[in-house]
PDB file of all heavy atoms in Angstrom:
ATOM      1  N   SER A   1      -0.412   8.425   0.407  1.00  0.00           N
ATOM      2  CA  SER A   1       0.621   8.415   1.444  1.00  0.00           C
ATOM      3  C   SER A   1       0.015   8.010   2.784  1.00  0.00           C
ATOM      4  O   SER A   1      -1.060   8.487   3.150  1.00  0.00           O
ATOM      5  CB  SER A   1       1.268   9.802   1.601  1.00  0.00           C
ATOM      6  OG  SER A   1       1.931  10.203   0.428  1.00  0.00           O
ATOM      7  N   PHE A   2       0.692   7.126   3.495  1.00  0.00           N
ATOM      8  CA  PHE A   2       0.341   6.800   4.886  1.00  0.00           C
ATOM      9  C   PHE A   2       1.457   5.945   5.473  1.00  0.00           C
ATOM     10  O   PHE A   2       2.265   5.353   4.746  1.00  0.00           O
ATOM     11  CB  PHE A   2      -1.007   6.073   4.992  1.00  0.00           C
ATOM     12  CG  PHE A   2      -1.063   4.733   4.302  1.00  0.00           C
ATOM     13  CD1 PHE A   2      -0.736   3.563   4.960  1.00  0.00           C
ATOM     14  CD2 PHE A   2      -1.469   4.647   2.970  1.00  0.00           C
ATOM     15  CE1 PHE A   2      -0.796   2.334   4.322  1.00  0.00           C
ATOM     16  CE2 PHE A   2      -1.540   3.427   2.319  1.00  0.00           C
ATOM     17  CZ  PHE A   2      -1.194   2.264   2.999  1.00  0.00           C
ATOM     18  N   ASP A   3       1.516   5.882   6.799  1.00  0.00           N
ATOM     19  CA  ASP A   3       2.495   5.067   7.510  1.00  0.00           C
ATOM     20  C   ASP A   3       1.779   3.978   8.297  1.00  0.00           C
ATOM     21  O   ASP A   3       0.653   4.176   8.778  1.00  0.00           O
ATOM     22  CB  ASP A   3       3.322   5.914   8.488  1.00  0.00           C
ATOM     23  CG  ASP A   3       4.258   6.880   7.777  1.00  0.00           C
ATOM     24  OD1 ASP A   3       4.630   6.597   6.620  1.00  0.00           O
ATOM     25  OD2 ASP A   3       4.615   7.908   8.386  1.00  0.00           O
ATOM     26  N   VAL A   4       2.443   2.829   8.431  1.00  0.00           N
ATOM     27  CA  VAL A   4       1.919   1.739   9.254  1.00  0.00           C
ATOM     28  C   VAL A   4       2.929   1.452  10.361  1.00  0.00           C
ATOM     29  O   VAL A   4       4.026   0.952  10.095  1.00  0.00           O
ATOM     30  CB  VAL A   4       1.677   0.465   8.421  1.00  0.00           C
ATOM     31  CG1 VAL A   4       1.134  -0.652   9.311  1.00  0.00           C
ATOM     32  CG2 VAL A   4       0.712   0.739   7.271  1.00  0.00           C
ATOM     33  N   PRO A   5       2.600   1.775  11.620  1.00  0.00           N
ATOM     34  CA  PRO A   5       3.513   1.479  12.732  1.00  0.00           C
ATOM     35  C   PRO A   5       3.618  -0.021  12.980  1.00  0.00           C
ATOM     36  O   PRO A   5       2.738  -0.804  12.589  1.00  0.00           O
ATOM     37  CB  PRO A   5       2.848   2.186  13.924  1.00  0.00           C
ATOM     38  CG  PRO A   5       1.910   3.177  13.325  1.00  0.00           C
ATOM     39  CD  PRO A   5       1.429   2.554  12.043  1.00  0.00           C
ATOM     40  N   ARG A   6       4.675  -0.424  13.648  1.00  0.00           N
ATOM     41  CA  ARG A   6       4.872  -1.838  13.983  1.00  0.00           C
ATOM     42  C   ARG A   6       3.797  -2.332  14.961  1.00  0.00           C
ATOM     43  O   ARG A   6       3.347  -1.600  15.828  1.00  0.00           O
ATOM     44  CB  ARG A   6       6.237  -2.040  14.640  1.00  0.00           C
ATOM     45  CG  ARG A   6       7.418  -1.862  13.713  1.00  0.00           C
ATOM     46  CD  ARG A   6       8.720  -2.109  14.450  1.00  0.00           C
ATOM     47  NE  ARG A   6       9.874  -1.865  13.604  1.00  0.00           N
ATOM     48  CZ  ARG A   6      10.424  -2.768  12.806  1.00  0.00           C
ATOM     49  NH1 ARG A   6       9.918  -3.985  12.753  1.00  0.00           N
ATOM     50  NH2 ARG A   6      11.470  -2.474  12.065  1.00  0.00           N
ATOM     51  N   GLY A   7       3.434  -3.597  14.793  1.00  0.00           N
ATOM     52  CA  GLY A   7       2.609  -4.274  15.777  1.00  0.00           C
ATOM     53  C   GLY A   7       1.155  -3.876  15.810  1.00  0.00           C
ATOM     54  O   GLY A   7       0.488  -4.044  16.842  1.00  0.00           O
ATOM     55  N   ILE A   8       0.620  -3.351  14.701  1.00  0.00           N
ATOM     56  CA  ILE A   8      -0.800  -2.983  14.673  1.00  0.00           C
ATOM     57  C   ILE A   8      -1.499  -3.688  13.520  1.00  0.00           C
ATOM     58  O   ILE A   8      -0.867  -4.232  12.612  1.00  0.00           O
ATOM     59  CB  ILE A   8      -1.006  -1.462  14.540  1.00  0.00           C
ATOM     60  CG1 ILE A   8      -0.704  -0.987  13.092  1.00  0.00           C
ATOM     61  CG2 ILE A   8      -0.175  -0.688  15.557  1.00  0.00           C
ATOM     62  CD1 ILE A   8      -1.301   0.368  12.764  1.00  0.00           C
ATOM     63  N   VAL A   9      -2.827  -3.660  13.573  1.00  0.00           N
ATOM     64  CA  VAL A   9      -3.653  -4.044  12.426  1.00  0.00           C
ATOM     65  C   VAL A   9      -4.135  -2.752  11.784  1.00  0.00           C
ATOM     66  O   VAL A   9      -4.808  -1.947  12.433  1.00  0.00           O
ATOM     67  CB  VAL A   9      -4.848  -4.908  12.836  1.00  0.00           C
ATOM     68  CG1 VAL A   9      -5.717  -5.230  11.605  1.00  0.00           C
ATOM     69  CG2 VAL A   9      -4.393  -6.192  13.505  1.00  0.00           C
ATOM     70  N   CYS A  10      -3.771  -2.540  10.530  1.00  0.00           N
ATOM     71  CA  CYS A  10      -4.190  -1.354   9.791  1.00  0.00           C
ATOM     72  C   CYS A  10      -5.171  -1.794   8.715  1.00  0.00           C
ATOM     73  O   CYS A  10      -4.824  -2.573   7.828  1.00  0.00           O
ATOM     74  CB  CYS A  10      -2.988  -0.650   9.163  1.00  0.00           C
ATOM     75  SG  CYS A  10      -3.409   0.836   8.213  1.00  0.00           S
ATOM     76  N   GLY A  11      -6.399  -1.313   8.796  1.00  0.00           N
ATOM     77  CA  GLY A  11      -7.393  -1.620   7.784  1.00  0.00           C
ATOM     78  C   GLY A  11      -7.260  -0.689   6.592  1.00  0.00           C
ATOM     79  O   GLY A  11      -6.996   0.501   6.758  1.00  0.00           O
ATOM     80  N   LEU A  12      -7.414  -1.238   5.395  1.00  0.00           N
ATOM     81  CA  LEU A  12      -7.389  -0.453   4.164  1.00  0.00           C
ATOM     82  C   LEU A  12      -8.731  -0.666   3.478  1.00  0.00           C
ATOM     83  O   LEU A  12      -9.021  -1.760   2.995  1.00  0.00           O
ATOM     84  CB  LEU A  12      -6.236  -0.909   3.267  1.00  0.00           C
ATOM     85  CG  LEU A  12      -5.993  -0.128   1.971  1.00  0.00           C
ATOM     86  CD1 LEU A  12      -5.625   1.322   2.270  1.00  0.00           C
ATOM     87  CD2 LEU A  12      -4.879  -0.786   1.158  1.00  0.00           C
ATOM     88  N   ILE A  13      -9.571   0.374   3.467  1.00  0.00           N
ATOM     89  CA  ILE A  13     -10.945   0.211   3.008  1.00  0.00           C
ATOM     90  C   ILE A  13     -11.247   1.153   1.848  1.00  0.00           C
ATOM     91  O   ILE A  13     -10.513   2.100   1.573  1.00  0.00           O
ATOM     92  CB  ILE A  13     -11.959   0.450   4.146  1.00  0.00           C
ATOM     93  CG1 ILE A  13     -11.933   1.920   4.588  1.00  0.00           C
ATOM     94  CG2 ILE A  13     -11.700  -0.483   5.308  1.00  0.00           C
ATOM     95  CD1 ILE A  13     -13.065   2.284   5.542  1.00  0.00           C
ATOM     96  N   GLY A  14     -12.347   0.871   1.191  1.00  0.00           N
ATOM     97  CA  GLY A  14     -12.810   1.693   0.080  1.00  0.00           C
ATOM     98  C   GLY A  14     -13.737   0.892  -0.803  1.00  0.00           C
ATOM     99  O   GLY A  14     -13.674  -0.339  -0.822  1.00  0.00           O
ATOM    100  N   PRO A  15     -14.605   1.547  -1.558  1.00  0.00           N
ATOM    101  CA  PRO A  15     -15.509   0.843  -2.476  1.00  0.00           C
ATOM    102  C   PRO A  15     -14.715   0.093  -3.545  1.00  0.00           C
ATOM    103  O   PRO A  15     -13.507   0.285  -3.706  1.00  0.00           O
ATOM    104  CB  PRO A  15     -16.342   1.980  -3.090  1.00  0.00           C
ATOM    105  CG  PRO A  15     -16.124   3.167  -2.214  1.00  0.00           C
ATOM    106  CD  PRO A  15     -14.774   3.011  -1.604  1.00  0.00           C
ATOM    107  N   ASN A  16     -15.401  -0.750  -4.306  1.00  0.00           N
ATOM    108  CA  ASN A  16     -14.761  -1.422  -5.438  1.00  0.00           C
ATOM    109  C   ASN A  16     -14.162  -0.379  -6.374  1.00  0.00           C
ATOM    110  O   ASN A  16     -14.797   0.630  -6.682  1.00  0.00           O
ATOM    111  CB  ASN A  16     -15.786  -2.270  -6.199  1.00  0.00           C
ATOM    112  CG  ASN A  16     -16.156  -3.529  -5.444  1.00  0.00           C
ATOM    113  OD1 ASN A  16     -15.356  -4.071  -4.692  1.00  0.00           O
ATOM    114  ND2 ASN A  16     -17.387  -3.983  -5.623  1.00  0.00           N
ATOM    115  N   GLY A  17     -12.930  -0.635  -6.822  1.00  0.00           N
ATOM    116  CA  GLY A  17     -12.267   0.293  -7.720  1.00  0.00           C
ATOM    117  C   GLY A  17     -11.560   1.432  -7.021  1.00  0.00           C
ATOM    118  O   GLY A  17     -11.049   2.347  -7.674  1.00  0.00           O
ATOM    119  N   ALA A  18     -11.487   1.368  -5.680  1.00  0.00           N
ATOM    120  CA  ALA A  18     -10.862   2.461  -4.925  1.00  0.00           C
ATOM    121  C   ALA A  18      -9.338   2.453  -5.034  1.00  0.00           C
ATOM    122  O   ALA A  18      -8.697   3.464  -4.788  1.00  0.00           O
ATOM    123  CB  ALA A  18     -11.277   2.392  -3.454  1.00  0.00           C
ATOM    124  N   GLY A  19      -8.747   1.296  -5.381  1.00  0.00           N
ATOM    125  CA  GLY A  19      -7.294   1.207  -5.519  1.00  0.00           C
ATOM    126  C   GLY A  19      -6.618   0.338  -4.478  1.00  0.00           C
ATOM    127  O   GLY A  19      -5.394   0.273  -4.424  1.00  0.00           O
ATOM    128  N   LYS A  20      -7.400  -0.383  -3.679  1.00  0.00           N
ATOM    129  CA  LYS A  20      -6.842  -1.177  -2.587  1.00  0.00           C
ATOM    130  C   LYS A  20      -5.943  -2.309  -3.097  1.00  0.00           C
ATOM    131  O   LYS A  20      -4.793  -2.458  -2.653  1.00  0.00           O
ATOM    132  CB  LYS A  20      -7.972  -1.760  -1.728  1.00  0.00           C
ATOM    133  CG  LYS A  20      -8.947  -0.720  -1.204  1.00  0.00           C
ATOM    134  CD  LYS A  20     -10.032  -1.338  -0.360  1.00  0.00           C
ATOM    135  CE  LYS A  20     -10.886  -2.353  -1.089  1.00  0.00           C
ATOM    136  NZ  LYS A  20     -11.659  -1.754  -2.212  1.00  0.00           N
ATOM    137  N   THR A  21      -6.457  -3.105  -4.014  1.00  0.00           N
ATOM    138  CA  THR A  21      -5.666  -4.224  -4.536  1.00  0.00           C
ATOM    139  C   THR A  21      -4.492  -3.715  -5.365  1.00  0.00           C
ATOM    140  O   THR A  21      -3.414  -4.321  -5.358  1.00  0.00           O
ATOM    141  CB  THR A  21      -6.556  -5.167  -5.370  1.00  0.00           C
ATOM    142  OG1 THR A  21      -7.571  -5.722  -4.517  1.00  0.00           O
ATOM    143  CG2 THR A  21      -5.736  -6.295  -5.969  1.00  0.00           C
ATOM    144  N   THR A  22      -4.667  -2.604  -6.069  1.00  0.00           N
ATOM    145  CA  THR A  22      -3.547  -2.002  -6.806  1.00  0.00           C
ATOM    146  C   THR A  22      -2.415  -1.651  -5.853  1.00  0.00           C
ATOM    147  O   THR A  22      -1.236  -1.908  -6.147  1.00  0.00           O
ATOM    148  CB  THR A  22      -4.010  -0.732  -7.550  1.00  0.00           C
ATOM    149  OG1 THR A  22      -5.002  -1.089  -8.516  1.00  0.00           O
ATOM    150  CG2 THR A  22      -2.839  -0.056  -8.252  1.00  0.00           C
ATOM    151  N   LEU A  23      -2.757  -1.100  -4.699  1.00  0.00           N
ATOM    152  CA  LEU A  23      -1.732  -0.762  -3.710  1.00  0.00           C
ATOM    153  C   LEU A  23      -1.062  -2.025  -3.186  1.00  0.00           C
ATOM    154  O   LEU A  23       0.167  -2.077  -3.057  1.00  0.00           O
ATOM    155  CB  LEU A  23      -2.346   0.033  -2.560  1.00  0.00           C
ATOM    156  CG  LEU A  23      -1.373   0.462  -1.466  1.00  0.00           C
ATOM    157  CD1 LEU A  23      -0.234   1.309  -2.027  1.00  0.00           C
ATOM    158  CD2 LEU A  23      -2.100   1.233  -0.376  1.00  0.00           C
ATOM    159  N   PHE A  24      -1.846  -3.062  -2.910  1.00  0.00           N
ATOM    160  CA  PHE A  24      -1.260  -4.336  -2.468  1.00  0.00           C
ATOM    161  C   PHE A  24      -0.292  -4.879  -3.513  1.00  0.00           C
ATOM    162  O   PHE A  24       0.768  -5.409  -3.182  1.00  0.00           O
ATOM    163  CB  PHE A  24      -2.376  -5.354  -2.215  1.00  0.00           C
ATOM    164  CG  PHE A  24      -2.721  -5.525  -0.760  1.00  0.00           C
ATOM    165  CD1 PHE A  24      -2.619  -4.457   0.114  1.00  0.00           C
ATOM    166  CD2 PHE A  24      -3.152  -6.739  -0.261  1.00  0.00           C
ATOM    167  CE1 PHE A  24      -2.944  -4.594   1.456  1.00  0.00           C
ATOM    168  CE2 PHE A  24      -3.471  -6.902   1.072  1.00  0.00           C
ATOM    169  CZ  PHE A  24      -3.370  -5.829   1.933  1.00  0.00           C
ATOM    170  N   ASN A  25      -0.669  -4.755  -4.782  1.00  0.00           N
ATOM    171  CA  ASN A  25       0.204  -5.257  -5.843  1.00  0.00           C
ATOM    172  C   ASN A  25       1.488  -4.443  -5.955  1.00  0.00           C
ATOM    173  O   ASN A  25       2.525  -4.961  -6.386  1.00  0.00           O
ATOM    174  CB  ASN A  25      -0.548  -5.274  -7.177  1.00  0.00           C
ATOM    175  CG  ASN A  25      -1.558  -6.388  -7.268  1.00  0.00           C
ATOM    176  OD1 ASN A  25      -1.464  -7.378  -6.544  1.00  0.00           O
ATOM    177  ND2 ASN A  25      -2.547  -6.244  -8.134  1.00  0.00           N
ATOM    178  N   CYS A  26       1.431  -3.186  -5.582  1.00  0.00           N
ATOM    179  CA  CYS A  26       2.658  -2.379  -5.513  1.00  0.00           C
ATOM    180  C   CYS A  26       3.533  -2.846  -4.360  1.00  0.00           C
ATOM    181  O   CYS A  26       4.763  -2.959  -4.502  1.00  0.00           O
ATOM    182  CB  CYS A  26       2.322  -0.900  -5.346  1.00  0.00           C
ATOM    183  SG  CYS A  26       1.567  -0.123  -6.780  1.00  0.00           S
ATOM    184  N   LEU A  27       2.921  -3.131  -3.222  1.00  0.00           N
ATOM    185  CA  LEU A  27       3.673  -3.600  -2.056  1.00  0.00           C
ATOM    186  C   LEU A  27       4.304  -4.965  -2.322  1.00  0.00           C
ATOM    187  O   LEU A  27       5.369  -5.279  -1.784  1.00  0.00           O
ATOM    188  CB  LEU A  27       2.757  -3.677  -0.834  1.00  0.00           C
ATOM    189  CG  LEU A  27       2.164  -2.355  -0.338  1.00  0.00           C
ATOM    190  CD1 LEU A  27       1.179  -2.599   0.796  1.00  0.00           C
ATOM    191  CD2 LEU A  27       3.249  -1.397   0.103  1.00  0.00           C
ATOM    192  N   SER A  28       3.646  -5.779  -3.136  1.00  0.00           N
ATOM    193  CA  SER A  28       4.173  -7.103  -3.486  1.00  0.00           C
ATOM    194  C   SER A  28       5.123  -7.064  -4.670  1.00  0.00           C
ATOM    195  O   SER A  28       5.635  -8.094  -5.088  1.00  0.00           O
ATOM    196  CB  SER A  28       3.020  -8.062  -3.809  1.00  0.00           C
ATOM    197  OG  SER A  28       2.107  -8.148  -2.742  1.00  0.00           O
ATOM    198  N   ARG A  29       5.301  -5.861  -5.260  1.00  0.00           N
ATOM    199  CA  ARG A  29       6.166  -5.636  -6.420  1.00  0.00           C
ATOM    200  C   ARG A  29       5.606  -6.271  -7.688  1.00  0.00           C
ATOM    201  O   ARG A  29       6.347  -6.532  -8.645  1.00  0.00           O
ATOM    202  CB  ARG A  29       7.591  -6.140  -6.161  1.00  0.00           C
ATOM    203  CG  ARG A  29       8.310  -5.426  -5.037  1.00  0.00           C
ATOM    204  CD  ARG A  29       8.645  -3.968  -5.386  1.00  0.00           C
ATOM    205  NE  ARG A  29       9.756  -3.910  -6.323  1.00  0.00           N
ATOM    206  CZ  ARG A  29       9.668  -3.511  -7.580  1.00  0.00           C
ATOM    207  NH1 ARG A  29       8.526  -3.104  -8.075  1.00  0.00           N
ATOM    208  NH2 ARG A  29      10.717  -3.482  -8.360  1.00  0.00           N
ATOM    209  N   LEU A  30       4.293  -6.531  -7.714  1.00  0.00           N
ATOM    210  CA  LEU A  30       3.668  -7.020  -8.935  1.00  0.00           C
ATOM    211  C   LEU A  30       3.389  -5.865  -9.884  1.00  0.00           C
ATOM    212  O   LEU A  30       3.331  -6.065 -11.097  1.00  0.00           O
ATOM    213  CB  LEU A  30       2.361  -7.751  -8.596  1.00  0.00           C
ATOM    214  CG  LEU A  30       2.495  -8.984  -7.697  1.00  0.00           C
ATOM    215  CD1 LEU A  30       1.138  -9.576  -7.399  1.00  0.00           C
ATOM    216  CD2 LEU A  30       3.411 -10.028  -8.331  1.00  0.00           C
ATOM    217  N   TYR A  31       3.180  -4.663  -9.329  1.00  0.00           N
ATOM    218  CA  TYR A  31       3.015  -3.447 -10.122  1.00  0.00           C
ATOM    219  C   TYR A  31       4.151  -2.485  -9.808  1.00  0.00           C
ATOM    220  O   TYR A  31       4.669  -2.472  -8.688  1.00  0.00           O
ATOM    221  CB  TYR A  31       1.698  -2.736  -9.801  1.00  0.00           C
ATOM    222  CG  TYR A  31       0.444  -3.427 -10.264  1.00  0.00           C
ATOM    223  CD1 TYR A  31      -0.804  -2.981  -9.819  1.00  0.00           C
ATOM    224  CD2 TYR A  31       0.472  -4.519 -11.127  1.00  0.00           C
ATOM    225  CE1 TYR A  31      -1.981  -3.598 -10.224  1.00  0.00           C
ATOM    226  CE2 TYR A  31      -0.694  -5.139 -11.530  1.00  0.00           C
ATOM    227  CZ  TYR A  31      -1.920  -4.681 -11.079  1.00  0.00           C
ATOM    228  OH  TYR A  31      -3.067  -5.295 -11.491  1.00  0.00           O
ATOM    229  N   GLU A  32       4.503  -1.702 -10.795  1.00  0.00           N
ATOM    230  CA  GLU A  32       5.539  -0.673 -10.640  1.00  0.00           C
ATOM    231  C   GLU A  32       4.866   0.699 -10.589  1.00  0.00           C
ATOM    232  O   GLU A  32       4.251   1.130 -11.573  1.00  0.00           O
ATOM    233  CB  GLU A  32       6.515  -0.726 -11.818  1.00  0.00           C
ATOM    234  CG  GLU A  32       7.733   0.151 -11.643  1.00  0.00           C
ATOM    235  CD  GLU A  32       8.739  -0.445 -10.677  1.00  0.00           C
ATOM    236  OE1 GLU A  32       8.779  -1.685 -10.534  1.00  0.00           O
ATOM    237  OE2 GLU A  32       9.493   0.340 -10.069  1.00  0.00           O
ATOM    238  N   PRO A  33       4.927   1.401  -9.455  1.00  0.00           N
ATOM    239  CA  PRO A  33       4.309   2.732  -9.387  1.00  0.00           C
ATOM    240  C   PRO A  33       4.957   3.691 -10.383  1.00  0.00           C
ATOM    241  O   PRO A  33       6.151   3.631 -10.643  1.00  0.00           O
ATOM    242  CB  PRO A  33       4.579   3.183  -7.951  1.00  0.00           C
ATOM    243  CG  PRO A  33       4.886   1.943  -7.191  1.00  0.00           C
ATOM    244  CD  PRO A  33       5.540   1.021  -8.168  1.00  0.00           C
ATOM    245  N   ALA A  34       4.140   4.583 -10.937  1.00  0.00           N
ATOM    246  CA  ALA A  34       4.665   5.620 -11.832  1.00  0.00           C
ATOM    247  C   ALA A  34       5.287   6.756 -11.041  1.00  0.00           C
ATOM    248  O   ALA A  34       6.091   7.530 -11.573  1.00  0.00           O
ATOM    249  CB  ALA A  34       3.531   6.154 -12.711  1.00  0.00           C
ATOM    250  N   ALA A  35       4.899   6.865  -9.766  1.00  0.00           N
ATOM    251  CA  ALA A  35       5.420   7.931  -8.920  1.00  0.00           C
ATOM    252  C   ALA A  35       5.408   7.461  -7.474  1.00  0.00           C
ATOM    253  O   ALA A  35       4.671   6.545  -7.109  1.00  0.00           O
ATOM    254  CB  ALA A  35       4.572   9.199  -9.069  1.00  0.00           C
ATOM    255  N   GLY A  36       6.240   8.096  -6.657  1.00  0.00           N
ATOM    256  CA  GLY A  36       6.226   7.834  -5.227  1.00  0.00           C
ATOM    257  C   GLY A  36       7.272   6.828  -4.779  1.00  0.00           C
ATOM    258  O   GLY A  36       8.098   6.359  -5.564  1.00  0.00           O
ATOM    259  N   GLU A  37       7.210   6.493  -3.497  1.00  0.00           N
ATOM    260  CA  GLU A  37       8.188   5.607  -2.871  1.00  0.00           C
ATOM    261  C   GLU A  37       7.491   4.731  -1.847  1.00  0.00           C
ATOM    262  O   GLU A  37       6.484   5.125  -1.246  1.00  0.00           O
ATOM    263  CB  GLU A  37       9.274   6.456  -2.187  1.00  0.00           C
ATOM    264  CG  GLU A  37      10.412   5.674  -1.573  1.00  0.00           C
ATOM    265  CD  GLU A  37      11.186   4.870  -2.600  1.00  0.00           C
ATOM    266  OE1 GLU A  37      10.737   3.752  -2.913  1.00  0.00           O
ATOM    267  OE2 GLU A  37      12.222   5.358  -3.075  1.00  0.00           O
ATOM    268  N   ILE A  38       7.996   3.519  -1.662  1.00  0.00           N
ATOM    269  CA  ILE A  38       7.512   2.608  -0.629  1.00  0.00           C
ATOM    270  C   ILE A  38       8.710   2.154   0.183  1.00  0.00           C
ATOM    271  O   ILE A  38       9.642   1.545  -0.359  1.00  0.00           O
ATOM    272  CB  ILE A  38       6.782   1.385  -1.227  1.00  0.00           C
ATOM    273  CG1 ILE A  38       5.575   1.833  -2.045  1.00  0.00           C
ATOM    274  CG2 ILE A  38       6.345   0.431  -0.113  1.00  0.00           C
ATOM    275  CD1 ILE A  38       4.900   0.703  -2.809  1.00  0.00           C
ATOM    276  N   LEU A  39       8.696   2.458   1.472  1.00  0.00           N
ATOM    277  CA  LEU A  39       9.803   2.116   2.358  1.00  0.00           C
ATOM    278  C   LEU A  39       9.359   1.054   3.348  1.00  0.00           C
ATOM    279  O   LEU A  39       8.294   1.165   3.969  1.00  0.00           O
ATOM    280  CB  LEU A  39      10.288   3.354   3.118  1.00  0.00           C
ATOM    281  CG  LEU A  39      10.737   4.556   2.283  1.00  0.00           C
ATOM    282  CD1 LEU A  39      11.108   5.715   3.200  1.00  0.00           C
ATOM    283  CD2 LEU A  39      11.907   4.181   1.384  1.00  0.00           C
ATOM    284  N   PHE A  40      10.187   0.021   3.509  1.00  0.00           N
ATOM    285  CA  PHE A  40       9.954  -1.027   4.493  1.00  0.00           C
ATOM    286  C   PHE A  40      11.159  -1.060   5.409  1.00  0.00           C
ATOM    287  O   PHE A  40      12.278  -1.289   4.950  1.00  0.00           O
ATOM    288  CB  PHE A  40       9.759  -2.380   3.800  1.00  0.00           C
ATOM    289  CG  PHE A  40       9.428  -3.505   4.745  1.00  0.00           C
ATOM    290  CD1 PHE A  40       8.168  -3.601   5.299  1.00  0.00           C
ATOM    291  CD2 PHE A  40      10.377  -4.452   5.086  1.00  0.00           C
ATOM    292  CE1 PHE A  40       7.854  -4.625   6.177  1.00  0.00           C
ATOM    293  CE2 PHE A  40      10.082  -5.482   5.950  1.00  0.00           C
ATOM    294  CZ  PHE A  40       8.808  -5.578   6.501  1.00  0.00           C
ATOM    295  N   GLU A  41      10.933  -0.769   6.686  1.00  0.00           N
ATOM    296  CA  GLU A  41      12.024  -0.598   7.647  1.00  0.00           C
ATOM    297  C   GLU A  41      13.032   0.433   7.151  1.00  0.00           C
ATOM    298  O   GLU A  41      14.244   0.269   7.299  1.00  0.00           O
ATOM    299  CB  GLU A  41      12.711  -1.929   7.955  1.00  0.00           C
ATOM    300  CG  GLU A  41      11.790  -2.928   8.644  1.00  0.00           C
ATOM    301  CD  GLU A  41      12.516  -4.175   9.112  1.00  0.00           C
ATOM    302  OE1 GLU A  41      13.291  -4.755   8.303  1.00  0.00           O
ATOM    303  OE2 GLU A  41      12.320  -4.570  10.286  1.00  0.00           O
ATOM    304  N   GLY A  42      12.520   1.480   6.535  1.00  0.00           N
ATOM    305  CA  GLY A  42      13.355   2.569   6.056  1.00  0.00           C
ATOM    306  C   GLY A  42      14.074   2.312   4.755  1.00  0.00           C
ATOM    307  O   GLY A  42      14.785   3.177   4.248  1.00  0.00           O
TER     308      GLY A  42
END
């Protein structure tokens, strides 16, 4: 869970295998999360 405010650069970091690209693929709708919610402009 985290929020990204408008107009900023938010870095997403972690070692290889941390889940960064998996999260990007959820945001792009390439992956379907098993749990949780993703809101864009509410």
